[in-house]
Amino acid sequence: MKIVLYLVFTILILSPSLANAHGLYVSSDAGELHANFSDHSPASGAVVSIVDEDGIAIIRGTMDEKGIWTLPKDIEGEPKFVVVEAPGGHLTRITWQEVLQGTSKDFFDYFGVRIAIGVAILAGSGLIMKRLLNRKSKI
C-alpha cells in the first residue's frame, strides 16, 4: 500500500514538470512597453497592437530584441487596450490607463517569492503524506 501511495504522490509531483508552458507579461515604464515570458526571457518580435473600444487596431508594431517597444507620441483615436501577441499563441493585454500610469510588480511577481511558496507547498504536502501514511500503518 505504501508503494502505491508513493507512486501516486511521485506522479502528481512530477507531472507538472512535463509541461513547458509559460506566461507572457507586459509592463510599462517611462513611455516604453516591456514584454517578457515567465522565465524572464524577452518577447522579442512580439506584435503590439493599440486597440480602441471596438477592438480595432489603431497602431501596430513589434518588440525589439530586448522585448521593448517605445510608445508613439501622437495616437489618432481613443486607445482602450494594448494587446501583445508573441509566437506560440501567447497573448496578453493591459489597459491604456495602466500604460499611461506605469505598472509595478506585485508581491507574487518576484521569482524568489514564487520559489519560496513552491517549496513550502511541497514540504507541507510531504508532511501531510507522511502523517497519513504513519497513521494507516499503526492501525
N, C-alpha and C. Protein backbone atom coordinates (compact mmCIF):
# COMPACT_ATOMS: atom_id res chain seq x y z
N MET A 1 0.82 -1.20 0.00
CA MET A 1 0.00 0.00 0.00
C MET A 1 0.86 1.25 0.00
N LYS A 2 1.96 1.22 0.77
CA LYS A 2 2.84 2.39 0.81
C LYS A 2 3.45 2.65 -0.55
N ILE A 3 3.81 1.60 -1.24
CA ILE A 3 4.43 1.77 -2.55
C ILE A 3 3.46 2.44 -3.52
N VAL A 4 2.19 2.05 -3.47
CA VAL A 4 1.20 2.64 -4.34
C VAL A 4 1.03 4.12 -4.04
N LEU A 5 0.95 4.48 -2.75
CA LEU A 5 0.81 5.88 -2.38
C LEU A 5 2.04 6.69 -2.78
N TYR A 6 3.22 6.15 -2.58
CA TYR A 6 4.44 6.84 -3.01
C TYR A 6 4.46 7.03 -4.52
N LEU A 7 4.02 6.03 -5.25
CA LEU A 7 3.99 6.11 -6.70
C LEU A 7 3.00 7.19 -7.17
N VAL A 8 1.81 7.20 -6.58
CA VAL A 8 0.81 8.21 -6.94
C VAL A 8 1.32 9.60 -6.59
N PHE A 9 1.90 9.76 -5.42
CA PHE A 9 2.43 11.05 -4.99
C PHE A 9 3.54 11.51 -5.94
N THR A 10 4.42 10.61 -6.33
CA THR A 10 5.51 10.96 -7.24
C THR A 10 4.98 11.39 -8.60
N ILE A 11 3.98 10.69 -9.11
CA ILE A 11 3.40 11.06 -10.40
C ILE A 11 2.74 12.43 -10.32
N LEU A 12 2.04 12.71 -9.23
CA LEU A 12 1.40 14.01 -9.08
C LEU A 12 2.41 15.14 -8.98
N ILE A 13 3.52 14.90 -8.32
CA ILE A 13 4.54 15.93 -8.18
C ILE A 13 5.30 16.15 -9.49
N LEU A 14 5.60 15.09 -10.21
CA LEU A 14 6.42 15.22 -11.42
C LEU A 14 5.62 15.59 -12.66
N SER A 15 4.32 15.36 -12.68
CA SER A 15 3.54 15.64 -13.88
C SER A 15 3.56 17.11 -14.30
N PRO A 16 3.52 18.09 -13.38
CA PRO A 16 3.60 19.48 -13.84
C PRO A 16 4.94 19.81 -14.50
N SER A 17 5.99 19.07 -14.18
CA SER A 17 7.28 19.37 -14.78
C SER A 17 7.35 18.95 -16.24
N LEU A 18 6.36 18.19 -16.71
CA LEU A 18 6.34 17.77 -18.10
C LEU A 18 5.84 18.88 -19.02
N ALA A 19 5.09 19.82 -18.49
CA ALA A 19 4.56 20.91 -19.30
C ALA A 19 5.61 22.01 -19.43
N ASN A 20 5.70 22.56 -20.63
CA ASN A 20 6.68 23.60 -20.89
C ASN A 20 6.04 24.96 -21.11
N ALA A 21 4.81 25.13 -20.73
CA ALA A 21 4.11 26.39 -20.97
C ALA A 21 4.62 27.47 -20.03
N HIS A 22 4.57 28.69 -20.51
CA HIS A 22 4.93 29.82 -19.69
C HIS A 22 4.10 31.02 -20.12
N GLY A 23 4.00 31.98 -19.23
CA GLY A 23 3.15 33.12 -19.48
C GLY A 23 3.89 34.27 -20.14
N LEU A 24 3.13 35.20 -20.68
CA LEU A 24 3.65 36.42 -21.29
C LEU A 24 3.21 37.58 -20.42
N TYR A 25 4.14 38.41 -20.02
CA TYR A 25 3.85 39.52 -19.12
C TYR A 25 4.26 40.84 -19.77
N VAL A 26 3.44 41.86 -19.60
CA VAL A 26 3.70 43.18 -20.16
C VAL A 26 3.67 44.19 -19.03
N SER A 27 4.64 45.09 -19.05
CA SER A 27 4.67 46.19 -18.10
C SER A 27 5.01 47.46 -18.85
N SER A 28 4.74 48.60 -18.26
CA SER A 28 5.05 49.87 -18.91
C SER A 28 5.81 50.75 -17.94
N ASP A 29 6.72 51.53 -18.51
CA ASP A 29 7.51 52.43 -17.69
C ASP A 29 8.13 53.49 -18.59
N ALA A 30 7.92 54.74 -18.28
CA ALA A 30 8.55 55.88 -18.96
C ALA A 30 8.34 55.84 -20.47
N GLY A 31 7.12 55.59 -20.90
CA GLY A 31 6.82 55.63 -22.32
C GLY A 31 7.27 54.41 -23.10
N GLU A 32 7.59 53.32 -22.41
CA GLU A 32 8.02 52.10 -23.07
C GLU A 32 7.21 50.92 -22.54
N LEU A 33 6.95 49.97 -23.43
CA LEU A 33 6.34 48.70 -23.03
C LEU A 33 7.45 47.66 -22.96
N HIS A 34 7.42 46.85 -21.92
CA HIS A 34 8.37 45.77 -21.73
C HIS A 34 7.59 44.47 -21.72
N ALA A 35 7.96 43.53 -22.58
CA ALA A 35 7.29 42.23 -22.63
C ALA A 35 8.31 41.13 -22.41
N ASN A 36 7.98 40.23 -21.50
CA ASN A 36 8.86 39.07 -21.27
C ASN A 36 8.02 37.88 -20.85
N PHE A 37 8.63 36.72 -20.99
CA PHE A 37 7.98 35.49 -20.60
C PHE A 37 8.25 35.23 -19.12
N SER A 38 7.57 34.24 -18.55
CA SER A 38 7.72 33.97 -17.12
C SER A 38 9.11 33.49 -16.77
N ASP A 39 9.89 33.02 -17.75
CA ASP A 39 11.27 32.64 -17.46
C ASP A 39 12.22 33.82 -17.62
N HIS A 40 11.68 35.03 -17.73
CA HIS A 40 12.40 36.30 -17.82
C HIS A 40 13.12 36.50 -19.14
N SER A 41 12.85 35.71 -20.15
CA SER A 41 13.43 35.95 -21.47
C SER A 41 12.57 36.98 -22.19
N PRO A 42 13.19 37.88 -22.96
CA PRO A 42 12.41 38.92 -23.63
C PRO A 42 11.54 38.36 -24.74
N ALA A 43 10.41 38.99 -24.95
CA ALA A 43 9.48 38.57 -26.00
C ALA A 43 9.83 39.34 -27.27
N SER A 44 11.01 39.08 -27.80
CA SER A 44 11.45 39.79 -29.00
C SER A 44 10.61 39.36 -30.19
N GLY A 45 10.25 40.33 -31.00
CA GLY A 45 9.44 40.05 -32.18
C GLY A 45 7.95 39.95 -31.91
N ALA A 46 7.53 40.15 -30.69
CA ALA A 46 6.10 40.10 -30.38
C ALA A 46 5.38 41.27 -31.04
N VAL A 47 4.17 41.04 -31.48
CA VAL A 47 3.38 42.07 -32.16
C VAL A 47 2.59 42.85 -31.12
N VAL A 48 2.70 44.17 -31.18
CA VAL A 48 2.00 45.06 -30.26
C VAL A 48 0.90 45.78 -31.04
N SER A 49 -0.31 45.78 -30.49
CA SER A 49 -1.43 46.48 -31.12
C SER A 49 -2.09 47.37 -30.08
N ILE A 50 -2.27 48.61 -30.43
CA ILE A 50 -3.06 49.52 -29.60
C ILE A 50 -4.44 49.53 -30.23
N VAL A 51 -5.45 49.12 -29.44
CA VAL A 51 -6.80 48.97 -29.98
C VAL A 51 -7.77 49.92 -29.28
N ASP A 52 -8.84 50.24 -29.98
CA ASP A 52 -9.86 51.10 -29.40
C ASP A 52 -10.93 50.26 -28.71
N GLU A 53 -12.00 50.91 -28.32
CA GLU A 53 -13.06 50.24 -27.57
C GLU A 53 -13.73 49.12 -28.36
N ASP A 54 -13.75 49.24 -29.69
CA ASP A 54 -14.38 48.24 -30.55
C ASP A 54 -13.43 47.11 -30.92
N GLY A 55 -12.19 47.17 -30.46
CA GLY A 55 -11.21 46.14 -30.78
C GLY A 55 -10.50 46.35 -32.10
N ILE A 56 -10.64 47.53 -32.68
CA ILE A 56 -9.99 47.85 -33.95
C ILE A 56 -8.60 48.40 -33.66
N ALA A 57 -7.62 47.84 -34.34
CA ALA A 57 -6.23 48.27 -34.12
C ALA A 57 -6.01 49.68 -34.64
N ILE A 58 -5.50 50.54 -33.77
CA ILE A 58 -5.16 51.91 -34.16
C ILE A 58 -3.72 51.95 -34.66
N ILE A 59 -2.82 51.31 -33.92
CA ILE A 59 -1.40 51.27 -34.26
C ILE A 59 -0.90 49.85 -34.03
N ARG A 60 0.00 49.39 -34.91
CA ARG A 60 0.66 48.10 -34.75
C ARG A 60 2.16 48.31 -34.80
N GLY A 61 2.87 47.46 -34.08
CA GLY A 61 4.32 47.50 -34.09
C GLY A 61 4.87 46.17 -33.58
N THR A 62 6.19 46.06 -33.52
CA THR A 62 6.82 44.84 -33.00
C THR A 62 7.85 45.21 -31.95
N MET A 63 8.01 44.31 -30.99
CA MET A 63 9.00 44.48 -29.94
C MET A 63 10.40 44.30 -30.52
N ASP A 64 11.39 44.99 -29.94
CA ASP A 64 12.76 44.80 -30.40
C ASP A 64 13.35 43.55 -29.75
N GLU A 65 14.64 43.32 -29.95
CA GLU A 65 15.28 42.10 -29.45
C GLU A 65 15.34 42.03 -27.93
N LYS A 66 15.15 43.17 -27.27
CA LYS A 66 15.14 43.19 -25.80
C LYS A 66 13.72 43.13 -25.23
N GLY A 67 12.72 43.01 -26.11
CA GLY A 67 11.34 42.97 -25.66
C GLY A 67 10.80 44.32 -25.27
N ILE A 68 11.29 45.39 -25.91
CA ILE A 68 10.89 46.76 -25.58
C ILE A 68 10.26 47.40 -26.82
N TRP A 69 9.20 48.16 -26.60
CA TRP A 69 8.55 48.92 -27.66
C TRP A 69 8.27 50.31 -27.13
N THR A 70 8.73 51.32 -27.84
CA THR A 70 8.52 52.71 -27.44
C THR A 70 7.14 53.16 -27.92
N LEU A 71 6.39 53.76 -27.01
CA LEU A 71 5.05 54.23 -27.35
C LEU A 71 5.13 55.41 -28.32
N PRO A 72 4.23 55.46 -29.29
CA PRO A 72 4.23 56.60 -30.22
C PRO A 72 3.77 57.87 -29.51
N LYS A 73 4.23 59.00 -30.03
CA LYS A 73 3.91 60.30 -29.40
C LYS A 73 2.46 60.70 -29.63
N ASP A 74 1.98 60.61 -30.86
CA ASP A 74 0.60 61.00 -31.14
C ASP A 74 -0.17 59.81 -31.68
N ILE A 75 -1.34 59.63 -31.11
CA ILE A 75 -2.18 58.50 -31.48
C ILE A 75 -3.53 59.03 -31.92
N GLU A 76 -3.95 58.62 -33.11
CA GLU A 76 -5.27 59.00 -33.60
C GLU A 76 -6.31 58.09 -32.98
N GLY A 77 -7.37 58.64 -32.50
CA GLY A 77 -8.41 57.83 -31.87
C GLY A 77 -8.19 57.77 -30.37
N GLU A 78 -9.07 57.02 -29.73
CA GLU A 78 -9.01 56.88 -28.27
C GLU A 78 -8.65 55.44 -27.91
N PRO A 79 -7.40 55.20 -27.49
CA PRO A 79 -6.98 53.83 -27.17
C PRO A 79 -7.68 53.30 -25.92
N LYS A 80 -7.93 51.99 -25.93
CA LYS A 80 -8.55 51.33 -24.78
C LYS A 80 -7.62 50.27 -24.19
N PHE A 81 -6.99 49.47 -25.05
CA PHE A 81 -6.11 48.39 -24.61
C PHE A 81 -4.84 48.36 -25.45
N VAL A 82 -3.82 47.74 -24.87
CA VAL A 82 -2.62 47.38 -25.61
C VAL A 82 -2.55 45.86 -25.57
N VAL A 83 -2.53 45.25 -26.74
CA VAL A 83 -2.51 43.79 -26.87
C VAL A 83 -1.13 43.39 -27.39
N VAL A 84 -0.51 42.43 -26.71
CA VAL A 84 0.79 41.91 -27.14
C VAL A 84 0.62 40.43 -27.45
N GLU A 85 1.04 40.05 -28.67
CA GLU A 85 0.92 38.67 -29.12
C GLU A 85 2.30 38.17 -29.53
N ALA A 86 2.75 37.11 -28.86
CA ALA A 86 4.06 36.52 -29.13
C ALA A 86 3.89 35.19 -29.84
N PRO A 87 4.94 34.72 -30.52
CA PRO A 87 4.86 33.42 -31.19
C PRO A 87 4.50 32.31 -30.21
N GLY A 88 3.85 31.29 -30.71
CA GLY A 88 3.47 30.16 -29.87
C GLY A 88 2.11 30.33 -29.22
N GLY A 89 1.34 31.32 -29.66
CA GLY A 89 0.00 31.50 -29.13
C GLY A 89 -0.08 32.28 -27.83
N HIS A 90 0.98 32.96 -27.43
CA HIS A 90 0.96 33.77 -26.22
C HIS A 90 0.30 35.11 -26.51
N LEU A 91 -0.63 35.50 -25.64
CA LEU A 91 -1.37 36.73 -25.83
C LEU A 91 -1.67 37.34 -24.47
N THR A 92 -1.45 38.62 -24.35
CA THR A 92 -1.81 39.33 -23.12
C THR A 92 -2.20 40.75 -23.47
N ARG A 93 -2.89 41.40 -22.56
CA ARG A 93 -3.29 42.79 -22.80
C ARG A 93 -3.30 43.55 -21.48
N ILE A 94 -3.11 44.85 -21.59
CA ILE A 94 -3.25 45.73 -20.45
C ILE A 94 -4.06 46.94 -20.90
N THR A 95 -4.68 47.61 -19.98
CA THR A 95 -5.50 48.77 -20.33
C THR A 95 -4.60 49.96 -20.64
N TRP A 96 -5.15 50.90 -21.37
CA TRP A 96 -4.40 52.08 -21.74
C TRP A 96 -4.06 52.91 -20.50
N GLN A 97 -4.94 52.90 -19.51
CA GLN A 97 -4.66 53.64 -18.27
C GLN A 97 -3.44 53.07 -17.55
N GLU A 98 -3.29 51.73 -17.56
CA GLU A 98 -2.10 51.12 -16.96
C GLU A 98 -0.84 51.52 -17.71
N VAL A 99 -0.96 51.67 -19.01
CA VAL A 99 0.19 52.07 -19.81
C VAL A 99 0.60 53.50 -19.45
N LEU A 100 -0.37 54.38 -19.32
CA LEU A 100 -0.07 55.78 -19.02
C LEU A 100 0.46 55.96 -17.60
N GLN A 101 -0.08 55.23 -16.65
CA GLN A 101 0.33 55.37 -15.25
C GLN A 101 1.59 54.59 -14.94
N GLY A 102 1.90 53.60 -15.75
CA GLY A 102 3.04 52.73 -15.46
C GLY A 102 2.58 51.59 -14.56
N THR A 103 3.20 50.46 -14.71
CA THR A 103 2.84 49.30 -13.90
C THR A 103 4.00 48.97 -12.98
N SER A 104 3.68 48.39 -11.87
CA SER A 104 4.71 47.95 -10.93
C SER A 104 4.50 46.47 -10.65
N LYS A 105 5.54 45.85 -10.14
CA LYS A 105 5.45 44.42 -9.84
C LYS A 105 4.68 44.21 -8.54
N ASP A 106 3.82 43.21 -8.56
CA ASP A 106 3.13 42.80 -7.36
C ASP A 106 4.02 41.86 -6.55
N PHE A 107 3.58 41.51 -5.37
CA PHE A 107 4.35 40.65 -4.48
C PHE A 107 4.65 39.29 -5.11
N PHE A 108 3.65 38.71 -5.79
CA PHE A 108 3.81 37.38 -6.36
C PHE A 108 4.53 37.38 -7.71
N ASP A 109 4.87 38.54 -8.23
CA ASP A 109 5.61 38.61 -9.49
C ASP A 109 7.11 38.38 -9.30
N TYR A 110 7.60 38.41 -8.09
CA TYR A 110 9.02 38.19 -7.85
C TYR A 110 9.32 36.70 -7.83
N PHE A 111 10.36 36.31 -8.54
CA PHE A 111 10.70 34.91 -8.72
C PHE A 111 11.01 34.24 -7.38
N GLY A 112 11.70 34.91 -6.47
CA GLY A 112 12.05 34.35 -5.17
C GLY A 112 10.82 34.01 -4.33
N VAL A 113 9.80 34.85 -4.43
CA VAL A 113 8.56 34.60 -3.69
C VAL A 113 7.87 33.35 -4.23
N ARG A 114 7.88 33.20 -5.55
CA ARG A 114 7.26 32.01 -6.15
C ARG A 114 8.00 30.74 -5.75
N ILE A 115 9.32 30.81 -5.71
CA ILE A 115 10.11 29.65 -5.30
C ILE A 115 9.81 29.30 -3.84
N ALA A 116 9.78 30.30 -2.98
CA ALA A 116 9.51 30.05 -1.56
C ALA A 116 8.13 29.42 -1.36
N ILE A 117 7.13 29.90 -2.07
CA ILE A 117 5.79 29.33 -1.96
C ILE A 117 5.78 27.89 -2.46
N GLY A 118 6.46 27.62 -3.57
CA GLY A 118 6.53 26.26 -4.09
C GLY A 118 7.19 25.30 -3.13
N VAL A 119 8.29 25.72 -2.52
CA VAL A 119 8.98 24.87 -1.54
C VAL A 119 8.09 24.63 -0.33
N ALA A 120 7.39 25.66 0.13
CA ALA A 120 6.50 25.50 1.28
C ALA A 120 5.36 24.52 0.96
N ILE A 121 4.82 24.60 -0.23
CA ILE A 121 3.74 23.68 -0.61
C ILE A 121 4.26 22.25 -0.70
N LEU A 122 5.43 22.07 -1.31
CA LEU A 122 5.99 20.72 -1.40
C LEU A 122 6.30 20.15 -0.02
N ALA A 123 6.91 20.95 0.84
CA ALA A 123 7.25 20.46 2.18
C ALA A 123 5.98 20.15 2.97
N GLY A 124 4.99 21.03 2.87
CA GLY A 124 3.73 20.80 3.59
C GLY A 124 3.01 19.56 3.11
N SER A 125 2.96 19.37 1.79
CA SER A 125 2.29 18.18 1.29
C SER A 125 3.06 16.91 1.63
N GLY A 126 4.38 17.00 1.69
CA GLY A 126 5.18 15.85 2.11
C GLY A 126 4.90 15.48 3.56
N LEU A 127 4.79 16.49 4.42
CA LEU A 127 4.48 16.22 5.83
C LEU A 127 3.08 15.63 6.00
N ILE A 128 2.15 16.13 5.21
CA ILE A 128 0.79 15.59 5.28
C ILE A 128 0.76 14.14 4.82
N MET A 129 1.45 13.83 3.72
CA MET A 129 1.51 12.45 3.24
C MET A 129 2.19 11.53 4.26
N LYS A 130 3.24 12.02 4.89
CA LYS A 130 3.95 11.22 5.90
C LYS A 130 3.02 10.92 7.07
N ARG A 131 2.28 11.94 7.49
CA ARG A 131 1.36 11.76 8.62
C ARG A 131 0.25 10.77 8.26
N LEU A 132 -0.26 10.88 7.03
CA LEU A 132 -1.32 9.95 6.61
C LEU A 132 -0.79 8.52 6.51
N LEU A 133 0.40 8.36 6.01
CA LEU A 133 0.97 7.02 5.88
C LEU A 133 1.30 6.42 7.25
N ASN A 134 1.79 7.21 8.18
CA ASN A 134 2.09 6.71 9.51
C ASN A 134 0.82 6.35 10.27
N ARG A 135 -0.23 7.09 10.08
CA ARG A 135 -1.49 6.81 10.77
C ARG A 135 -2.06 5.48 10.29
N LYS A 136 -2.00 5.20 9.01
CA LYS A 136 -2.55 3.94 8.48
C LYS A 136 -1.70 2.75 8.85
N SER A 137 -0.39 2.94 8.99
CA SER A 137 0.47 1.81 9.33
C SER A 137 0.32 1.40 10.80
N LYS A 138 -0.11 2.30 11.67
CA LYS A 138 -0.32 1.99 13.09
C LYS A 138 -1.61 1.23 13.34
N ILE A 139 -2.56 1.37 12.44
CA ILE A 139 -3.87 0.74 12.62
C ILE A 139 -3.82 -0.72 12.30
